[in-house]
């Protein structure tokens, strides 16, 4: 196995938890794993954007 990784940053508007789960499942199905995430919130503490850093092992 290679010790080399490819990284991809993804950011999208926060709509529902189902959208976040679907995004994680979609990226996971393509061999990507999340290594970091952040959530932007409005002044009331409601999530407005999610950002994820994904990695995938290069062959």
PDB file of N, CA and C in Angstrom:
ATOM      1  N   UNK A   1       0.829  -1.186   0.000  1.00  0.00           N
ATOM      2  CA  UNK A   1       0.000   0.000   0.000  1.00  0.00           C
ATOM      3  C   UNK A   1       0.872   1.247   0.000  1.00  0.00           C
ATOM      4  N   UNK A   2       0.368   2.242  -0.630  1.00  0.00           N
ATOM      5  CA  UNK A   2       1.079   3.514  -0.733  1.00  0.00           C
ATOM      6  C   UNK A   2       0.852   4.345   0.524  1.00  0.00           C
ATOM      7  N   UNK A   3       1.870   5.114   0.868  1.00  0.00           N
ATOM      8  CA  UNK A   3       1.729   6.060   1.971  1.00  0.00           C
ATOM      9  C   UNK A   3       1.446   7.462   1.448  1.00  0.00           C
ATOM     10  N   UNK A   4       1.019   7.540   0.202  1.00  0.00           N
ATOM     11  CA  UNK A   4       0.711   8.830  -0.402  1.00  0.00           C
ATOM     12  C   UNK A   4      -0.800   9.036  -0.423  1.00  0.00           C
ATOM     13  N   UNK A   5      -1.192  10.255  -0.091  1.00  0.00           N
ATOM     14  CA  UNK A   5      -2.611  10.577   0.015  1.00  0.00           C
ATOM     15  C   UNK A   5      -2.968  11.738  -0.906  1.00  0.00           C
ATOM     16  N   UNK A   6      -4.195  11.712  -1.356  1.00  0.00           N
ATOM     17  CA  UNK A   6      -4.783  12.826  -2.102  1.00  0.00           C
ATOM     18  C   UNK A   6      -5.811  13.466  -1.178  1.00  0.00           C
ATOM     19  N   UNK A   7      -5.867  14.780  -1.159  1.00  0.00           N
ATOM     20  CA  UNK A   7      -6.805  15.493  -0.286  1.00  0.00           C
ATOM     21  C   UNK A   7      -7.766  16.340  -1.112  1.00  0.00           C
ATOM     22  N   UNK A   8      -8.981  16.471  -0.612  1.00  0.00           N
ATOM     23  CA  UNK A   8     -10.002  17.275  -1.298  1.00  0.00           C
ATOM     24  C   UNK A   8     -10.825  18.011  -0.238  1.00  0.00           C
ATOM     25  N   UNK A   9     -11.031  19.292  -0.451  1.00  0.00           N
ATOM     26  CA  UNK A   9     -11.827  20.119   0.441  1.00  0.00           C
ATOM     27  C   UNK A   9     -13.201  20.335  -0.184  1.00  0.00           C
ATOM     28  N   UNK A  10     -14.247  20.169   0.634  1.00  0.00           N
ATOM     29  CA  UNK A  10     -15.621  20.330   0.159  1.00  0.00           C
ATOM     30  C   UNK A  10     -16.382  21.202   1.155  1.00  0.00           C
ATOM     31  N   UNK A  11     -17.119  22.162   0.651  1.00  0.00           N
ATOM     32  CA  UNK A  11     -17.948  23.017   1.490  1.00  0.00           C
ATOM     33  C   UNK A  11     -19.316  23.144   0.832  1.00  0.00           C
ATOM     34  N   UNK A  12     -20.370  23.070   1.642  1.00  0.00           N
ATOM     35  CA  UNK A  12     -21.719  23.148   1.088  1.00  0.00           C
ATOM     36  C   UNK A  12     -22.672  23.747   2.112  1.00  0.00           C
ATOM     37  N   UNK A  13     -23.768  24.350   1.640  1.00  0.00           N
ATOM     38  CA  UNK A  13     -24.755  24.928   2.569  1.00  0.00           C
ATOM     39  C   UNK A  13     -25.375  23.847   3.455  1.00  0.00           C
ATOM     40  N   UNK A  14     -25.601  24.194   4.689  1.00  0.00           N
ATOM     41  CA  UNK A  14     -26.221  23.273   5.639  1.00  0.00           C
ATOM     42  C   UNK A  14     -27.732  23.317   5.454  1.00  0.00           C
ATOM     43  N   UNK A  15     -28.288  22.211   5.101  1.00  0.00           N
ATOM     44  CA  UNK A  15     -29.753  22.136   4.971  1.00  0.00           C
ATOM     45  C   UNK A  15     -30.321  21.181   6.010  1.00  0.00           C
ATOM     46  N   UNK A  16     -29.907  19.924   5.945  1.00  0.00           N
ATOM     47  CA  UNK A  16     -30.423  18.926   6.891  1.00  0.00           C
ATOM     48  C   UNK A  16     -29.300  17.966   7.271  1.00  0.00           C
ATOM     49  N   UNK A  17     -29.497  17.263   8.377  1.00  0.00           N
ATOM     50  CA  UNK A  17     -28.542  16.223   8.769  1.00  0.00           C
ATOM     51  C   UNK A  17     -28.488  15.126   7.710  1.00  0.00           C
ATOM     52  N   UNK A  18     -29.620  14.867   7.063  1.00  0.00           N
ATOM     53  CA  UNK A  18     -29.655  13.845   6.021  1.00  0.00           C
ATOM     54  C   UNK A  18     -28.734  14.217   4.856  1.00  0.00           C
ATOM     55  N   UNK A  19     -28.660  15.513   4.532  1.00  0.00           N
ATOM     56  CA  UNK A  19     -27.777  15.956   3.454  1.00  0.00           C
ATOM     57  C   UNK A  19     -26.319  15.705   3.830  1.00  0.00           C
ATOM     58  N   UNK A  20     -25.968  16.010   5.070  1.00  0.00           N
ATOM     59  CA  UNK A  20     -24.595  15.770   5.531  1.00  0.00           C
ATOM     60  C   UNK A  20     -24.281  14.283   5.474  1.00  0.00           C
ATOM     61  N   UNK A  21     -25.188  13.456   5.976  1.00  0.00           N
ATOM     62  CA  UNK A  21     -24.974  12.005   5.951  1.00  0.00           C
ATOM     63  C   UNK A  21     -24.869  11.476   4.529  1.00  0.00           C
ATOM     64  N   UNK A  22     -25.689  11.990   3.621  1.00  0.00           N
ATOM     65  CA  UNK A  22     -25.642  11.552   2.223  1.00  0.00           C
ATOM     66  C   UNK A  22     -24.320  11.957   1.573  1.00  0.00           C
ATOM     67  N   UNK A  23     -23.830  13.154   1.890  1.00  0.00           N
ATOM     68  CA  UNK A  23     -22.549  13.606   1.352  1.00  0.00           C
ATOM     69  C   UNK A  23     -21.417  12.715   1.852  1.00  0.00           C
ATOM     70  N   UNK A  24     -21.406  12.424   3.146  1.00  0.00           N
ATOM     71  CA  UNK A  24     -20.373  11.543   3.703  1.00  0.00           C
ATOM     72  C   UNK A  24     -20.444  10.147   3.083  1.00  0.00           C
ATOM     73  N   UNK A  25     -21.647   9.617   2.911  1.00  0.00           N
ATOM     74  CA  UNK A  25     -21.815   8.289   2.314  1.00  0.00           C
ATOM     75  C   UNK A  25     -21.353   8.277   0.858  1.00  0.00           C
ATOM     76  N   UNK A  26     -21.676   9.334   0.120  1.00  0.00           N
ATOM     77  CA  UNK A  26     -21.283   9.412  -1.288  1.00  0.00           C
ATOM     78  C   UNK A  26     -19.761   9.454  -1.427  1.00  0.00           C
ATOM     79  N   UNK A  27     -19.122  10.300  -0.653  1.00  0.00           N
ATOM     80  CA  UNK A  27     -17.660  10.384  -0.727  1.00  0.00           C
ATOM     81  C   UNK A  27     -17.023   9.086  -0.240  1.00  0.00           C
ATOM     82  N   UNK A  28     -17.578   8.492   0.806  1.00  0.00           N
ATOM     83  CA  UNK A  28     -17.054   7.227   1.319  1.00  0.00           C
ATOM     84  C   UNK A  28     -17.154   6.108   0.303  1.00  0.00           C
ATOM     85  N   UNK A  29     -18.219   6.104  -0.483  1.00  0.00           N
ATOM     86  CA  UNK A  29     -18.394   5.077  -1.516  1.00  0.00           C
ATOM     87  C   UNK A  29     -17.324   5.182  -2.596  1.00  0.00           C
ATOM     88  N   UNK A  30     -16.701   6.338  -2.706  1.00  0.00           N
ATOM     89  CA  UNK A  30     -15.648   6.542  -3.705  1.00  0.00           C
ATOM     90  C   UNK A  30     -14.247   6.472  -3.096  1.00  0.00           C
ATOM     91  N   UNK A  31     -14.149   5.938  -1.869  1.00  0.00           N
ATOM     92  CA  UNK A  31     -12.855   5.723  -1.235  1.00  0.00           C
ATOM     93  C   UNK A  31     -12.306   6.883  -0.425  1.00  0.00           C
ATOM     94  N   UNK A  32     -13.103   7.920  -0.244  1.00  0.00           N
ATOM     95  CA  UNK A  32     -12.652   9.083   0.522  1.00  0.00           C
ATOM     96  C   UNK A  32     -13.061   8.933   1.977  1.00  0.00           C
ATOM     97  N   UNK A  33     -12.212   9.387   2.887  1.00  0.00           N
ATOM     98  CA  UNK A  33     -12.571   9.395   4.304  1.00  0.00           C
ATOM     99  C   UNK A  33     -12.392  10.799   4.866  1.00  0.00           C
ATOM    100  N   UNK A  34     -13.324  11.246   5.708  1.00  0.00           N
ATOM    101  CA  UNK A  34     -13.198  12.588   6.281  1.00  0.00           C
ATOM    102  C   UNK A  34     -12.090  12.613   7.330  1.00  0.00           C
ATOM    103  N   UNK A  35     -11.260  13.649   7.299  1.00  0.00           N
ATOM    104  CA  UNK A  35     -10.197  13.782   8.288  1.00  0.00           C
ATOM    105  C   UNK A  35     -10.365  15.029   9.154  1.00  0.00           C
ATOM    106  N   UNK A  36     -11.211  15.953   8.708  1.00  0.00           N
ATOM    107  CA  UNK A  36     -11.473  17.159   9.481  1.00  0.00           C
ATOM    108  C   UNK A  36     -12.772  17.784   8.979  1.00  0.00           C
ATOM    109  N   UNK A  37     -13.480  18.442   9.882  1.00  0.00           N
ATOM    110  CA  UNK A  37     -14.677  19.162   9.449  1.00  0.00           C
ATOM    111  C   UNK A  37     -14.846  20.433  10.276  1.00  0.00           C
ATOM    112  N   UNK A  38     -15.604  21.358   9.732  1.00  0.00           N
ATOM    113  CA  UNK A  38     -15.923  22.603  10.420  1.00  0.00           C
ATOM    114  C   UNK A  38     -17.351  22.992  10.072  1.00  0.00           C
ATOM    115  N   UNK A  39     -17.978  23.705  10.984  1.00  0.00           N
ATOM    116  CA  UNK A  39     -19.351  24.158  10.780  1.00  0.00           C
ATOM    117  C   UNK A  39     -19.397  25.667  10.990  1.00  0.00           C
ATOM    118  N   UNK A  40     -19.932  26.380  10.013  1.00  0.00           N
ATOM    119  CA  UNK A  40     -20.159  27.823  10.163  1.00  0.00           C
ATOM    120  C   UNK A  40     -21.593  28.019  10.631  1.00  0.00           C
ATOM    121  N   UNK A  41     -21.764  28.904  11.608  1.00  0.00           N
ATOM    122  CA  UNK A  41     -23.098  29.135  12.169  1.00  0.00           C
ATOM    123  C   UNK A  41     -23.451  30.618  12.106  1.00  0.00           C
ATOM    124  N   UNK A  42     -24.750  30.865  12.080  1.00  0.00           N
ATOM    125  CA  UNK A  42     -25.194  32.260  12.124  1.00  0.00           C
ATOM    126  C   UNK A  42     -25.192  32.744  13.577  1.00  0.00           C
ATOM    127  N   UNK A  43     -25.615  33.962  13.807  1.00  0.00           N
ATOM    128  CA  UNK A  43     -25.573  34.545  15.158  1.00  0.00           C
ATOM    129  C   UNK A  43     -26.502  33.853  16.154  1.00  0.00           C
ATOM    130  N   UNK A  44     -27.447  33.048  15.657  1.00  0.00           N
ATOM    131  CA  UNK A  44     -28.336  32.294  16.541  1.00  0.00           C
ATOM    132  C   UNK A  44     -27.826  30.878  16.807  1.00  0.00           C
ATOM    133  N   UNK A  45     -26.656  30.539  16.235  1.00  0.00           N
ATOM    134  CA  UNK A  45     -26.091  29.209  16.438  1.00  0.00           C
ATOM    135  C   UNK A  45     -26.636  28.155  15.492  1.00  0.00           C
ATOM    136  N   UNK A  46     -27.319  28.587  14.444  1.00  0.00           N
ATOM    137  CA  UNK A  46     -27.868  27.648  13.462  1.00  0.00           C
ATOM    138  C   UNK A  46     -26.830  27.427  12.363  1.00  0.00           C
ATOM    139  N   UNK A  47     -26.496  26.156  12.071  1.00  0.00           N
ATOM    140  CA  UNK A  47     -25.492  25.872  11.036  1.00  0.00           C
ATOM    141  C   UNK A  47     -25.902  26.458   9.680  1.00  0.00           C
ATOM    142  N   UNK A  48     -24.933  27.079   9.002  1.00  0.00           N
ATOM    143  CA  UNK A  48     -25.190  27.633   7.676  1.00  0.00           C
ATOM    144  C   UNK A  48     -24.355  26.941   6.597  1.00  0.00           C
ATOM    145  N   UNK A  49     -23.145  26.488   6.952  1.00  0.00           N
ATOM    146  CA  UNK A  49     -22.275  25.778   6.012  1.00  0.00           C
ATOM    147  C   UNK A  49     -21.510  24.685   6.732  1.00  0.00           C
ATOM    148  N   UNK A  50     -21.282  23.589   6.037  1.00  0.00           N
ATOM    149  CA  UNK A  50     -20.405  22.519   6.505  1.00  0.00           C
ATOM    150  C   UNK A  50     -19.215  22.457   5.570  1.00  0.00           C
ATOM    151  N   UNK A  51     -18.044  22.213   6.127  1.00  0.00           N
ATOM    152  CA  UNK A  51     -16.836  22.031   5.331  1.00  0.00           C
ATOM    153  C   UNK A  51     -16.142  20.760   5.800  1.00  0.00           C
ATOM    154  N   UNK A  52     -15.686  19.982   4.848  1.00  0.00           N
ATOM    155  CA  UNK A  52     -14.989  18.737   5.144  1.00  0.00           C
ATOM    156  C   UNK A  52     -13.691  18.667   4.371  1.00  0.00           C
ATOM    157  N   UNK A  53     -12.669  18.108   5.019  1.00  0.00           N
ATOM    158  CA  UNK A  53     -11.433  17.752   4.343  1.00  0.00           C
ATOM    159  C   UNK A  53     -11.437  16.230   4.258  1.00  0.00           C
ATOM    160  N   UNK A  54     -11.370  15.712   3.044  1.00  0.00           N
ATOM    161  CA  UNK A  54     -11.353  14.276   2.815  1.00  0.00           C
ATOM    162  C   UNK A  54      -9.974  13.851   2.332  1.00  0.00           C
ATOM    163  N   UNK A  55      -9.626  12.594   2.591  1.00  0.00           N
ATOM    164  CA  UNK A  55      -8.394  12.041   2.036  1.00  0.00           C
ATOM    165  C   UNK A  55      -8.683  10.670   1.427  1.00  0.00           C
ATOM    166  N   UNK A  56      -7.813  10.314   0.462  1.00  0.00           N
ATOM    167  CA  UNK A  56      -7.936   9.015  -0.188  1.00  0.00           C
ATOM    168  C   UNK A  56      -6.519   8.546  -0.523  1.00  0.00           C
ATOM    169  N   UNK A  57      -6.265   7.287  -0.246  1.00  0.00           N
ATOM    170  CA  UNK A  57      -4.938   6.715  -0.494  1.00  0.00           C
ATOM    171  C   UNK A  57      -4.727   6.558  -1.999  1.00  0.00           C
ATOM    172  N   UNK A  58      -3.562   7.010  -2.467  1.00  0.00           N
ATOM    173  CA  UNK A  58      -3.198   6.840  -3.856  1.00  0.00           C
ATOM    174  C   UNK A  58      -2.631   5.437  -4.070  1.00  0.00           C
ATOM    175  N   UNK A  59      -2.949   4.852  -5.171  1.00  0.00           N
ATOM    176  CA  UNK A  59      -2.482   3.491  -5.468  1.00  0.00           C
ATOM    177  C   UNK A  59      -1.125   3.543  -6.128  1.00  0.00           C
TER     178      UNK A  59
END
